[in-house]
PDB file of N, CA and C in Angstrom:
ATOM      1  N   MET A   1       0.820  -1.196   0.000  1.00  0.00           N
ATOM      2  CA  MET A   1       0.000   0.000   0.000  1.00  0.00           C
ATOM      3  C   MET A   1       0.863   1.259   0.000  1.00  0.00           C
ATOM      4  N   VAL A   2       1.964   1.232   0.723  1.00  0.00           N
ATOM      5  CA  VAL A   2       2.842   2.390   0.795  1.00  0.00           C
ATOM      6  C   VAL A   2       3.463   2.667  -0.574  1.00  0.00           C
ATOM      7  N   PHE A   3       3.822   1.603  -1.304  1.00  0.00           N
ATOM      8  CA  PHE A   3       4.410   1.765  -2.631  1.00  0.00           C
ATOM      9  C   PHE A   3       3.430   2.440  -3.585  1.00  0.00           C
ATOM     10  N   VAL A   4       2.176   2.036  -3.551  1.00  0.00           N
ATOM     11  CA  VAL A   4       1.152   2.633  -4.419  1.00  0.00           C
ATOM     12  C   VAL A   4       0.983   4.106  -4.076  1.00  0.00           C
ATOM     13  N   TYR A   5       0.974   4.431  -2.821  1.00  0.00           N
ATOM     14  CA  TYR A   5       0.847   5.826  -2.395  1.00  0.00           C
ATOM     15  C   TYR A   5       2.057   6.635  -2.870  1.00  0.00           C
ATOM     16  N   PHE A   6       3.259   6.051  -2.755  1.00  0.00           N
ATOM     17  CA  PHE A   6       4.481   6.728  -3.201  1.00  0.00           C
ATOM     18  C   PHE A   6       4.438   7.003  -4.701  1.00  0.00           C
ATOM     19  N   ILE A   7       4.062   5.998  -5.500  1.00  0.00           N
ATOM     20  CA  ILE A   7       3.997   6.163  -6.949  1.00  0.00           C
ATOM     21  C   ILE A   7       2.913   7.168  -7.325  1.00  0.00           C
ATOM     22  N   ASP A   8       1.793   7.139  -6.635  1.00  0.00           N
ATOM     23  CA  ASP A   8       0.720   8.080  -6.919  1.00  0.00           C
ATOM     24  C   ASP A   8       1.168   9.516  -6.689  1.00  0.00           C
ATOM     25  N   ASN A   9       1.953   9.748  -5.660  1.00  0.00           N
ATOM     26  CA  ASN A   9       2.462  11.097  -5.403  1.00  0.00           C
ATOM     27  C   ASN A   9       3.612  11.467  -6.344  1.00  0.00           C
ATOM     28  N   LEU A  10       4.308  10.472  -6.832  1.00  0.00           N
ATOM     29  CA  LEU A  10       5.441  10.714  -7.721  1.00  0.00           C
ATOM     30  C   LEU A  10       4.985  11.087  -9.129  1.00  0.00           C
ATOM     31  N   ILE A  11       3.932  10.443  -9.603  1.00  0.00           N
ATOM     32  CA  ILE A  11       3.456  10.650 -10.965  1.00  0.00           C
ATOM     33  C   ILE A  11       2.106  11.354 -10.903  1.00  0.00           C
ATOM     34  N   ASP A  12       2.120  12.633 -11.331  1.00  0.00           N
ATOM     35  CA  ASP A  12       0.880  13.412 -11.300  1.00  0.00           C
ATOM     36  C   ASP A  12       0.408  13.813 -12.690  1.00  0.00           C
ATOM     37  N   THR A  13       1.340  14.020 -13.606  1.00  0.00           N
ATOM     38  CA  THR A  13       0.951  14.526 -14.929  1.00  0.00           C
ATOM     39  C   THR A  13       1.482  13.599 -16.022  1.00  0.00           C
ATOM     40  N   ALA A  14       1.063  13.875 -17.250  1.00  0.00           N
ATOM     41  CA  ALA A  14       1.551  13.111 -18.399  1.00  0.00           C
ATOM     42  C   ALA A  14       3.047  13.359 -18.610  1.00  0.00           C
ATOM     43  N   LYS A  15       3.501  14.535 -18.226  1.00  0.00           N
ATOM     44  CA  LYS A  15       4.924  14.852 -18.329  1.00  0.00           C
ATOM     45  C   LYS A  15       5.750  13.943 -17.410  1.00  0.00           C
ATOM     46  N   ASP A  16       5.206  13.664 -16.228  1.00  0.00           N
ATOM     47  CA  ASP A  16       5.880  12.754 -15.303  1.00  0.00           C
ATOM     48  C   ASP A  16       5.965  11.339 -15.880  1.00  0.00           C
ATOM     49  N   VAL A  17       4.905  10.903 -16.541  1.00  0.00           N
ATOM     50  CA  VAL A  17       4.893   9.573 -17.156  1.00  0.00           C
ATOM     51  C   VAL A  17       5.924   9.506 -18.276  1.00  0.00           C
ATOM     52  N   ALA A  18       5.998  10.568 -19.090  1.00  0.00           N
ATOM     53  CA  ALA A  18       6.983  10.599 -20.184  1.00  0.00           C
ATOM     54  C   ALA A  18       8.400  10.563 -19.629  1.00  0.00           C
ATOM     55  N   LEU A  19       8.639  11.303 -18.560  1.00  0.00           N
ATOM     56  CA  LEU A  19       9.962  11.297 -17.937  1.00  0.00           C
ATOM     57  C   LEU A  19      10.298   9.918 -17.381  1.00  0.00           C
ATOM     58  N   LEU A  20       9.348   9.273 -16.753  1.00  0.00           N
ATOM     59  CA  LEU A  20       9.561   7.937 -16.211  1.00  0.00           C
ATOM     60  C   LEU A  20       9.857   6.943 -17.340  1.00  0.00           C
ATOM     61  N   ASN A  21       9.135   7.061 -18.458  1.00  0.00           N
ATOM     62  CA  ASN A  21       9.390   6.180 -19.602  1.00  0.00           C
ATOM     63  C   ASN A  21      10.777   6.409 -20.183  1.00  0.00           C
ATOM     64  N   SER A  22      11.226   7.649 -20.227  1.00  0.00           N
ATOM     65  CA  SER A  22      12.565   7.922 -20.759  1.00  0.00           C
ATOM     66  C   SER A  22      13.641   7.367 -19.830  1.00  0.00           C
ATOM     67  N   ILE A  23      13.387   7.418 -18.536  1.00  0.00           N
ATOM     68  CA  ILE A  23      14.335   6.839 -17.578  1.00  0.00           C
ATOM     69  C   ILE A  23      14.392   5.323 -17.753  1.00  0.00           C
ATOM     70  N   ILE A  24      13.255   4.710 -17.972  1.00  0.00           N
ATOM     71  CA  ILE A  24      13.220   3.258 -18.191  1.00  0.00           C
ATOM     72  C   ILE A  24      13.987   2.900 -19.459  1.00  0.00           C
ATOM     73  N   ASP A  25      13.834   3.722 -20.517  1.00  0.00           N
ATOM     74  CA  ASP A  25      14.579   3.479 -21.760  1.00  0.00           C
ATOM     75  C   ASP A  25      16.083   3.581 -21.538  1.00  0.00           C
ATOM     76  N   VAL A  26      16.506   4.561 -20.759  1.00  0.00           N
ATOM     77  CA  VAL A  26      17.931   4.724 -20.464  1.00  0.00           C
ATOM     78  C   VAL A  26      18.450   3.516 -19.674  1.00  0.00           C
ATOM     79  N   LEU A  27      17.675   3.052 -18.728  1.00  0.00           N
ATOM     80  CA  LEU A  27      18.080   1.887 -17.942  1.00  0.00           C
ATOM     81  C   LEU A  27      18.206   0.644 -18.828  1.00  0.00           C
ATOM     82  N   ARG A  28      17.317   0.497 -19.803  1.00  0.00           N
ATOM     83  CA  ARG A  28      17.426  -0.631 -20.741  1.00  0.00           C
ATOM     84  C   ARG A  28      18.706  -0.527 -21.574  1.00  0.00           C
ATOM     85  N   GLU A  29      19.021   0.682 -22.027  1.00  0.00           N
ATOM     86  CA  GLU A  29      20.247   0.875 -22.809  1.00  0.00           C
ATOM     87  C   GLU A  29      21.493   0.564 -21.978  1.00  0.00           C
ATOM     88  N   VAL A  30      21.492   0.981 -20.730  1.00  0.00           N
ATOM     89  CA  VAL A  30      22.627   0.700 -19.846  1.00  0.00           C
ATOM     90  C   VAL A  30      22.762  -0.803 -19.625  1.00  0.00           C
ATOM     91  N   LYS A  31      21.645  -1.475 -19.418  1.00  0.00           N
ATOM     92  CA  LYS A  31      21.675  -2.919 -19.214  1.00  0.00           C
ATOM     93  C   LYS A  31      22.189  -3.635 -20.463  1.00  0.00           C
ATOM     94  N   ALA A  32      21.760  -3.200 -21.646  1.00  0.00           N
ATOM     95  CA  ALA A  32      22.236  -3.803 -22.892  1.00  0.00           C
ATOM     96  C   ALA A  32      23.726  -3.538 -23.079  1.00  0.00           C
ATOM     97  N   HIS A  33      24.177  -2.349 -22.702  1.00  0.00           N
ATOM     98  CA  HIS A  33      25.595  -2.007 -22.808  1.00  0.00           C
ATOM     99  C   HIS A  33      26.439  -2.900 -21.902  1.00  0.00           C
ATOM    100  N   ARG A  34      25.963  -3.139 -20.698  1.00  0.00           N
ATOM    101  CA  ARG A  34      26.718  -3.959 -19.748  1.00  0.00           C
ATOM    102  C   ARG A  34      26.729  -5.433 -20.121  1.00  0.00           C
ATOM    103  N   LYS A  35      25.739  -5.884 -20.894  1.00  0.00           N
ATOM    104  CA  LYS A  35      25.689  -7.290 -21.299  1.00  0.00           C
ATOM    105  C   LYS A  35      26.743  -7.616 -22.352  1.00  0.00           C
ATOM    106  N   LYS A  36      27.225  -6.612 -23.070  1.00  0.00           N
ATOM    107  CA  LYS A  36      28.235  -6.855 -24.092  1.00  0.00           C
ATOM    108  C   LYS A  36      29.559  -7.170 -23.402  1.00  0.00           C
ATOM    109  N   LEU A  37      30.127  -8.307 -23.760  1.00  0.00           N
ATOM    110  CA  LEU A  37      31.338  -8.789 -23.102  1.00  0.00           C
ATOM    111  C   LEU A  37      32.517  -7.844 -23.302  1.00  0.00           C
ATOM    112  N   TRP A  38      32.627  -7.258 -24.498  1.00  0.00           N
ATOM    113  CA  TRP A  38      33.736  -6.351 -24.789  1.00  0.00           C
ATOM    114  C   TRP A  38      33.730  -5.165 -23.825  1.00  0.00           C
ATOM    115  N   ASN A  39      32.572  -4.621 -23.532  1.00  0.00           N
ATOM    116  CA  ASN A  39      32.493  -3.467 -22.633  1.00  0.00           C
ATOM    117  C   ASN A  39      32.916  -3.845 -21.214  1.00  0.00           C
ATOM    118  N   THR A  40      32.575  -5.057 -20.797  1.00  0.00           N
ATOM    119  CA  THR A  40      32.984  -5.518 -19.470  1.00  0.00           C
ATOM    120  C   THR A  40      34.496  -5.687 -19.412  1.00  0.00           C
ATOM    121  N   TRP A  41      35.075  -6.293 -20.448  1.00  0.00           N
ATOM    122  CA  TRP A  41      36.529  -6.471 -20.488  1.00  0.00           C
ATOM    123  C   TRP A  41      37.242  -5.126 -20.505  1.00  0.00           C
ATOM    124  N   ARG A  42      36.741  -4.212 -21.311  1.00  0.00           N
ATOM    125  CA  ARG A  42      37.366  -2.888 -21.428  1.00  0.00           C
ATOM    126  C   ARG A  42      37.336  -2.163 -20.082  1.00  0.00           C
ATOM    127  N   ALA A  43      36.208  -2.189 -19.417  1.00  0.00           N
ATOM    128  CA  ALA A  43      36.088  -1.526 -18.119  1.00  0.00           C
ATOM    129  C   ALA A  43      37.025  -2.164 -17.093  1.00  0.00           C
ATOM    130  N   SER A  44      37.116  -3.480 -17.122  1.00  0.00           N
ATOM    131  CA  SER A  44      38.023  -4.171 -16.201  1.00  0.00           C
ATOM    132  C   SER A  44      39.478  -3.807 -16.491  1.00  0.00           C
ATOM    133  N   PHE A  45      39.846  -3.763 -17.776  1.00  0.00           N
ATOM    134  CA  PHE A  45      41.211  -3.397 -18.159  1.00  0.00           C
ATOM    135  C   PHE A  45      41.547  -1.982 -17.696  1.00  0.00           C
ATOM    136  N   ILE A  46      40.653  -1.049 -17.957  1.00  0.00           N
ATOM    137  CA  ILE A  46      40.906   0.346 -17.571  1.00  0.00           C
ATOM    138  C   ILE A  46      41.008   0.476 -16.056  1.00  0.00           C
ATOM    139  N   HIS A  47      40.133  -0.204 -15.336  1.00  0.00           N
ATOM    140  CA  HIS A  47      40.155  -0.121 -13.879  1.00  0.00           C
ATOM    141  C   HIS A  47      41.432  -0.730 -13.304  1.00  0.00           C
ATOM    142  N   THR A  48      41.899  -1.825 -13.913  1.00  0.00           N
ATOM    143  CA  THR A  48      43.060  -2.540 -13.382  1.00  0.00           C
ATOM    144  C   THR A  48      44.374  -1.906 -13.818  1.00  0.00           C
ATOM    145  N   TYR A  49      44.511  -1.608 -15.106  1.00  0.00           N
ATOM    146  CA  TYR A  49      45.813  -1.242 -15.657  1.00  0.00           C
ATOM    147  C   TYR A  49      46.000   0.246 -15.928  1.00  0.00           C
ATOM    148  N   CYS A  50      44.981   1.025 -15.861  1.00  0.00           N
ATOM    149  CA  CYS A  50      45.123   2.451 -16.152  1.00  0.00           C
ATOM    150  C   CYS A  50      44.866   3.301 -14.922  1.00  0.00           C
ATOM    151  N   SER A  51      45.254   2.784 -13.780  1.00  0.00           N
ATOM    152  CA  SER A  51      45.012   3.501 -12.539  1.00  0.00           C
ATOM    153  C   SER A  51      45.934   4.701 -12.382  1.00  0.00           C
ATOM    154  N   SER A  52      47.104   4.661 -13.030  1.00  0.00           N
ATOM    155  CA  SER A  52      48.008   5.807 -12.992  1.00  0.00           C
ATOM    156  C   SER A  52      48.601   5.998 -14.381  1.00  0.00           C
ATOM    157  N   PRO A  53      49.087   7.187 -14.676  1.00  0.00           N
ATOM    158  CA  PRO A  53      49.656   7.426 -15.999  1.00  0.00           C
ATOM    159  C   PRO A  53      50.902   6.577 -16.261  1.00  0.00           C
ATOM    160  N   TRP A  54      51.640   6.226 -15.220  1.00  0.00           N
ATOM    161  CA  TRP A  54      52.862   5.441 -15.415  1.00  0.00           C
ATOM    162  C   TRP A  54      52.549   4.031 -15.901  1.00  0.00           C
ATOM    163  N   VAL A  55      51.481   3.459 -15.402  1.00  0.00           N
ATOM    164  CA  VAL A  55      51.092   2.125 -15.851  1.00  0.00           C
ATOM    165  C   VAL A  55      50.710   2.171 -17.325  1.00  0.00           C
ATOM    166  N   LEU A  56      49.944   3.163 -17.710  1.00  0.00           N
ATOM    167  CA  LEU A  56      49.534   3.302 -19.111  1.00  0.00           C
ATOM    168  C   LEU A  56      50.739   3.527 -20.015  1.00  0.00           C
ATOM    169  N   ILE A  57      51.678   4.359 -19.587  1.00  0.00           N
ATOM    170  CA  ILE A  57      52.887   4.617 -20.382  1.00  0.00           C
ATOM    171  C   ILE A  57      53.700   3.339 -20.546  1.00  0.00           C
ATOM    172  N   SER A  58      53.822   2.545 -19.493  1.00  0.00           N
ATOM    173  CA  SER A  58      54.598   1.310 -19.601  1.00  0.00           C
ATOM    174  C   SER A  58      53.917   0.295 -20.513  1.00  0.00           C
ATOM    175  N   ILE A  59      52.595   0.231 -20.498  1.00  0.00           N
ATOM    176  CA  ILE A  59      51.876  -0.687 -21.391  1.00  0.00           C
ATOM    177  C   ILE A  59      52.058  -0.265 -22.847  1.00  0.00           C
ATOM    178  N   VAL A  60      51.933   1.014 -23.127  1.00  0.00           N
ATOM    179  CA  VAL A  60      52.115   1.505 -24.493  1.00  0.00           C
ATOM    180  C   VAL A  60      53.546   1.255 -24.957  1.00  0.00           C
ATOM    181  N   THR A  61      54.510   1.504 -24.095  1.00  0.00           N
ATOM    182  CA  THR A  61      55.914   1.265 -24.444  1.00  0.00           C
ATOM    183  C   THR A  61      56.170  -0.220 -24.724  1.00  0.00           C
ATOM    184  N   ALA A  62      55.653  -1.082 -23.895  1.00  0.00           N
ATOM    185  CA  ALA A  62      55.831  -2.523 -24.110  1.00  0.00           C
ATOM    186  C   ALA A  62      55.199  -2.959 -25.425  1.00  0.00           C
ATOM    187  N   PHE A  63      54.044  -2.411 -25.757  1.00  0.00           N
ATOM    188  CA  PHE A  63      53.382  -2.747 -27.023  1.00  0.00           C
ATOM    189  C   PHE A  63      54.215  -2.273 -28.210  1.00  0.00           C
ATOM    190  N   ILE A  64      54.777  -1.069 -28.128  1.00  0.00           N
ATOM    191  CA  ILE A  64      55.623  -0.549 -29.215  1.00  0.00           C
ATOM    192  C   ILE A  64      56.860  -1.419 -29.389  1.00  0.00           C
ATOM    193  N   ILE A  65      57.486  -1.811 -28.288  1.00  0.00           N
ATOM    194  CA  ILE A  65      58.670  -2.678 -28.371  1.00  0.00           C
ATOM    195  C   ILE A  65      58.306  -4.028 -28.973  1.00  0.00           C
ATOM    196  N   LEU A  66      57.172  -4.580 -28.592  1.00  0.00           N
ATOM    197  CA  LEU A  66      56.734  -5.855 -29.151  1.00  0.00           C
ATOM    198  C   LEU A  66      56.510  -5.760 -30.660  1.00  0.00           C
ATOM    199  N   VAL A  67      55.832  -4.716 -31.105  1.00  0.00           N
ATOM    200  CA  VAL A  67      55.588  -4.524 -32.537  1.00  0.00           C
ATOM    201  C   VAL A  67      56.904  -4.318 -33.276  1.00  0.00           C
ATOM    202  N   ALA A  68      57.804  -3.530 -32.726  1.00  0.00           N
ATOM    203  CA  ALA A  68      59.101  -3.301 -33.370  1.00  0.00           C
ATOM    204  C   ALA A  68      59.896  -4.603 -33.475  1.00  0.00           C
ATOM    205  N   THR A  69      59.860  -5.417 -32.444  1.00  0.00           N
ATOM    206  CA  THR A  69      60.566  -6.698 -32.472  1.00  0.00           C
ATOM    207  C   THR A  69      59.993  -7.615 -33.543  1.00  0.00           C
ATOM    208  N   ILE A  70      58.694  -7.688 -33.638  1.00  0.00           N
ATOM    209  CA  ILE A  70      58.059  -8.515 -34.663  1.00  0.00           C
ATOM    210  C   ILE A  70      58.406  -8.013 -36.057  1.00  0.00           C
ATOM    211  N   MET A  71      58.420  -6.696 -36.227  1.00  0.00           N
ATOM    212  CA  MET A  71      58.755  -6.132 -37.542  1.00  0.00           C
ATOM    213  C   MET A  71      60.203  -6.435 -37.920  1.00  0.00           C
ATOM    214  N   VAL A  72      61.131  -6.305 -36.981  1.00  0.00           N
ATOM    215  CA  VAL A  72      62.543  -6.555 -37.269  1.00  0.00           C
ATOM    216  C   VAL A  72      62.768  -8.028 -37.583  1.00  0.00           C
ATOM    217  N   GLU A  73      62.136  -8.906 -36.852  1.00  0.00           N
ATOM    218  CA  GLU A  73      62.311 -10.335 -37.081  1.00  0.00           C
ATOM    219  C   GLU A  73      61.683 -10.768 -38.404  1.00  0.00           C
ATOM    220  N   GLY A  74      60.722 -10.036 -38.878  1.00  0.00           N
ATOM    221  CA  GLY A  74      60.039 -10.418 -40.101  1.00  0.00           C
ATOM    222  C   GLY A  74      60.757 -10.012 -41.363  1.00  0.00           C
ATOM    223  N   TYR A  75      61.620  -9.021 -41.302  1.00  0.00           N
ATOM    224  CA  TYR A  75      62.322  -8.544 -42.488  1.00  0.00           C
ATOM    225  C   TYR A  75      63.616  -9.335 -42.702  1.00  0.00           C
ATOM    226  N   PRO A  76      63.956  -9.634 -43.951  1.00  0.00           N
ATOM    227  CA  PRO A  76      65.224 -10.330 -44.205  1.00  0.00           C
ATOM    228  C   PRO A  76      66.399  -9.376 -44.018  1.00  0.00           C
ATOM    229  N   SER A  77      67.579  -9.957 -43.812  1.00  0.00           N
ATOM    230  CA  SER A  77      68.775  -9.138 -43.646  1.00  0.00           C
ATOM    231  C   SER A  77      69.182  -8.551 -44.995  1.00  0.00           C
ATOM    232  N   PRO A  78      70.050  -7.544 -45.024  1.00  0.00           N
ATOM    233  CA  PRO A  78      70.416  -6.865 -46.274  1.00  0.00           C
ATOM    234  C   PRO A  78      71.060  -7.778 -47.319  1.00  0.00           C
ATOM    235  N   ASP A  79      71.706  -8.871 -46.906  1.00  0.00           N
ATOM    236  CA  ASP A  79      72.335  -9.749 -47.896  1.00  0.00           C
ATOM    237  C   ASP A  79      71.345 -10.745 -48.501  1.00  0.00           C
ATOM    238  N   GLY A  80      70.093 -10.670 -48.100  1.00  0.00           N
ATOM    239  CA  GLY A  80      69.060 -11.507 -48.690  1.00  0.00           C
ATOM    240  C   GLY A  80      68.802 -12.807 -47.964  1.00  0.00           C
ATOM    241  N   SER A  81      69.610 -13.122 -46.977  1.00  0.00           N
ATOM    242  CA  SER A  81      69.393 -14.374 -46.242  1.00  0.00           C
ATOM    243  C   SER A  81      68.281 -14.158 -45.222  1.00  0.00           C
ATOM    244  N   SER A  82      67.758 -15.262 -44.733  1.00  0.00           N
ATOM    245  CA  SER A  82      66.702 -15.168 -43.739  1.00  0.00           C
ATOM    246  C   SER A  82      67.271 -15.138 -42.324  1.00  0.00           C
ATOM    247  N   ASN A  83      68.596 -15.208 -42.204  1.00  0.00           N
ATOM    248  CA  ASN A  83      69.244 -15.178 -40.898  1.00  0.00           C
ATOM    249  C   ASN A  83      69.218 -13.748 -40.374  1.00  0.00           C
ATOM    250  N   PRO A  84      68.602 -13.501 -39.215  1.00  0.00           N
ATOM    251  CA  PRO A  84      68.541 -12.126 -38.710  1.00  0.00           C
ATOM    252  C   PRO A  84      69.875 -11.638 -38.171  1.00  0.00           C
ATOM    253  N   VAL A  85      70.837 -12.525 -37.938  1.00  0.00           N
ATOM    254  CA  VAL A  85      72.139 -12.110 -37.431  1.00  0.00           C
ATOM    255  C   VAL A  85      72.970 -11.627 -38.603  1.00  0.00           C
ATOM    256  N   ARG A  86      73.512 -10.448 -38.494  1.00  0.00           N
ATOM    257  CA  ARG A  86      74.289  -9.886 -39.596  1.00  0.00           C
ATOM    258  C   ARG A  86      75.715 -10.415 -39.559  1.00  0.00           C
ATOM    259  N   THR A  87      76.253 -10.675 -40.723  1.00  0.00           N
ATOM    260  CA  THR A  87      77.635 -11.130 -40.816  1.00  0.00           C
ATOM    261  C   THR A  87      78.563  -9.933 -40.893  1.00  0.00           C
ATOM    262  N   PRO A  88      79.731 -10.033 -40.268  1.00  0.00           N
ATOM    263  CA  PRO A  88      80.660  -8.886 -40.297  1.00  0.00           C
ATOM    264  C   PRO A  88      81.176  -8.629 -41.715  1.00  0.00           C
ATOM    265  N   ILE A  89      81.383  -7.367 -42.009  1.00  0.00           N
ATOM    266  CA  ILE A  89      81.891  -6.973 -43.318  1.00  0.00           C
ATOM    267  C   ILE A  89      83.418  -7.083 -43.277  1.00  0.00           C
ATOM    268  N   GLY A  90      83.999  -7.664 -44.326  1.00  0.00           N
ATOM    269  CA  GLY A  90      85.456  -7.682 -44.376  1.00  0.00           C
ATOM    270  C   GLY A  90      86.064  -8.971 -44.577  1.00  0.00           C
TER     271      GLY A  90
END
């Protein structure tokens, strides 16, 4: 009975009903957003690893080093061999 009385006092006009419906729509959108696994992973990653600027800088640096290493290992040496170790000139 108290809930019915509360809702009756909360909603008096059609404008109140429209506002309540828009809030319900927003809540549905938030729920759909949270159900997507990618958004949950992203939020967890940001909360865990981006707590300070130093952590973010170290992650970006490690990623750049990893990409550079993969790129260097993928290119053949200047003499055309697939050996990444360079032979001394002379």
